[in-house]
Structures are given as C-alpha cells and as structure tokens.
Amino acid sequence: MQVRNMIELTLFQKIILKLQGHVFIGNRMKQGWKKPLPFYAFKCETHGLVEDYPHGYNERLECPKCDSSHDEH
C-alpha cells in the first residue's frame, strides 16, 4: 500500500519550491516549544516532499525521515 504525501502546496508555492528548492509553508508550534517556528517544504532525494524547520546556526533543513540535510540558503 502506498501512503500519499499529505503536504498540500498551492501553485505559487510549487513554483517557489521549483525555483528555490524550498518554500515557506507556515509557522507551527509543537508541544513544549516557547514560540512557533517557520516550517518549510523541500524535496528529500529519498523521501520526496517533506517539511521541517531550520536547524542550527546555518538554518539547515533536515528530512525528518532520514536526517539528510538541505541547506535553506
């Protein structure tokens, strides 16, 4: 059984994703966090379209499934 990717992007977001390699999809706040963080959608070479927030000083995006890195800037 194939699981459908649940990230829905508008046409404009799809264009930005194609041009920049990542696209802002909104601020989210997880339990235990003090404030919301920006989340971005990007393509992992292994898992396709995924979402994550910037990590570390270099604000790298990491696939939540395999931890492969995608630099935001």
C-alpha atoms as a PDB file:
ATOM      1  CA  MET A   1       0.000   0.000   0.000  1.00  0.00           C
ATOM      2  CA  GLN A   2       1.374   3.407  -0.976  1.00  0.00           C
ATOM      3  CA  VAL A   3       0.989   6.270   1.511  1.00  0.00           C
ATOM      4  CA  ARG A   4       0.025   9.602  -0.057  1.00  0.00           C
ATOM      5  CA  ASN A   5       2.138  12.631   0.827  1.00  0.00           C
ATOM      6  CA  MET A   6      -0.045  14.948   2.933  1.00  0.00           C
ATOM      7  CA  ILE A   7       1.757  18.220   2.153  1.00  0.00           C
ATOM      8  CA  GLU A   8      -0.567  20.364   0.050  1.00  0.00           C
ATOM      9  CA  LEU A   9       1.033  23.233  -1.864  1.00  0.00           C
ATOM     10  CA  THR A  10      -0.601  25.999  -3.853  1.00  0.00           C
ATOM     11  CA  LEU A  11       0.509  26.606  -7.444  1.00  0.00           C
ATOM     12  CA  PHE A  12       2.506  29.641  -6.258  1.00  0.00           C
ATOM     13  CA  GLN A  13       4.242  27.539  -3.562  1.00  0.00           C
ATOM     14  CA  LYS A  14       5.080  24.867  -6.150  1.00  0.00           C
ATOM     15  CA  ILE A  15       6.730  27.498  -8.341  1.00  0.00           C
ATOM     16  CA  ILE A  16       8.761  28.857  -5.405  1.00  0.00           C
ATOM     17  CA  LEU A  17       9.773  25.294  -4.472  1.00  0.00           C
ATOM     18  CA  LYS A  18      10.983  24.682  -8.018  1.00  0.00           C
ATOM     19  CA  LEU A  19      12.960  27.960  -8.097  1.00  0.00           C
ATOM     20  CA  GLN A  20      14.433  27.980  -4.573  1.00  0.00           C
ATOM     21  CA  GLY A  21      14.463  24.312  -3.579  1.00  0.00           C
ATOM     22  CA  HIS A  22      12.317  25.048  -0.512  1.00  0.00           C
ATOM     23  CA  VAL A  23       9.154  27.010   0.272  1.00  0.00           C
ATOM     24  CA  PHE A  24       7.722  28.523   3.467  1.00  0.00           C
ATOM     25  CA  ILE A  25       4.522  26.730   4.476  1.00  0.00           C
ATOM     26  CA  GLY A  26       3.704  28.445   7.762  1.00  0.00           C
ATOM     27  CA  ASN A  27       4.623  28.865  11.399  1.00  0.00           C
ATOM     28  CA  ARG A  28       3.994  25.885  13.649  1.00  0.00           C
ATOM     29  CA  MET A  29       4.331  25.303  17.368  1.00  0.00           C
ATOM     30  CA  LYS A  30       4.959  21.874  18.848  1.00  0.00           C
ATOM     31  CA  GLN A  31       4.191  20.918  22.420  1.00  0.00           C
ATOM     32  CA  GLY A  32       6.895  22.164  24.774  1.00  0.00           C
ATOM     33  CA  TRP A  33       8.118  24.920  22.465  1.00  0.00           C
ATOM     34  CA  LYS A  34       8.083  28.517  23.705  1.00  0.00           C
ATOM     35  CA  LYS A  35       7.151  30.052  20.363  1.00  0.00           C
ATOM     36  CA  PRO A  36       6.242  29.000  16.830  1.00  0.00           C
ATOM     37  CA  LEU A  37       8.952  28.312  14.263  1.00  0.00           C
ATOM     38  CA  PRO A  38       8.811  28.672  10.474  1.00  0.00           C
ATOM     39  CA  PHE A  39       8.321  25.408   8.587  1.00  0.00           C
ATOM     40  CA  TYR A  40       9.435  24.795   5.019  1.00  0.00           C
ATOM     41  CA  ALA A  41       8.635  22.149   2.436  1.00  0.00           C
ATOM     42  CA  PHE A  42      11.524  20.750   0.393  1.00  0.00           C
ATOM     43  CA  LYS A  43      12.388  17.624  -1.552  1.00  0.00           C
ATOM     44  CA  CYS A  44      14.451  14.877   0.037  1.00  0.00           C
ATOM     45  CA  GLU A  45      16.272  12.749  -2.555  1.00  0.00           C
ATOM     46  CA  THR A  46      14.993   9.612  -0.812  1.00  0.00           C
ATOM     47  CA  HIS A  47      11.549  10.534   0.568  1.00  0.00           C
ATOM     48  CA  GLY A  48      10.273  13.188  -1.826  1.00  0.00           C
ATOM     49  CA  LEU A  49       8.373  16.196  -0.473  1.00  0.00           C
ATOM     50  CA  VAL A  50       8.861  16.645   3.286  1.00  0.00           C
ATOM     51  CA  GLU A  51       8.595  19.508   5.778  1.00  0.00           C
ATOM     52  CA  ASP A  52      10.858  20.695   8.573  1.00  0.00           C
ATOM     53  CA  TYR A  53      12.037  23.779  10.444  1.00  0.00           C
ATOM     54  CA  PRO A  54      15.540  25.327  10.193  1.00  0.00           C
ATOM     55  CA  HIS A  55      18.148  23.727  12.476  1.00  0.00           C
ATOM     56  CA  GLY A  56      21.333  25.236  13.890  1.00  0.00           C
ATOM     57  CA  TYR A  57      23.244  28.379  13.118  1.00  0.00           C
ATOM     58  CA  ASN A  58      23.264  27.585   9.375  1.00  0.00           C
ATOM     59  CA  GLU A  59      19.470  27.066   9.378  1.00  0.00           C
ATOM     60  CA  ARG A  60      19.709  23.723   7.583  1.00  0.00           C
ATOM     61  CA  LEU A  61      16.572  21.779   6.773  1.00  0.00           C
ATOM     62  CA  GLU A  62      16.704  18.072   7.617  1.00  0.00           C
ATOM     63  CA  CYS A  63      14.486  15.302   6.316  1.00  0.00           C
ATOM     64  CA  PRO A  64      12.545  14.107   9.368  1.00  0.00           C
ATOM     65  CA  LYS A  65      12.629  10.555   7.991  1.00  0.00           C
ATOM     66  CA  CYS A  66      16.343  10.127   7.238  1.00  0.00           C
ATOM     67  CA  ASP A  67      18.077  13.257   8.633  1.00  0.00           C
ATOM     68  CA  SER A  68      19.648  14.122   5.288  1.00  0.00           C
ATOM     69  CA  SER A  69      20.409  17.838   5.141  1.00  0.00           C
ATOM     70  CA  HIS A  70      19.186  20.502   2.735  1.00  0.00           C
ATOM     71  CA  ASP A  71      20.648  23.989   3.237  1.00  0.00           C
ATOM     72  CA  GLU A  72      17.946  26.639   3.302  1.00  0.00           C
ATOM     73  CA  HIS A  73      20.148  29.467   1.998  1.00  0.00           C
END
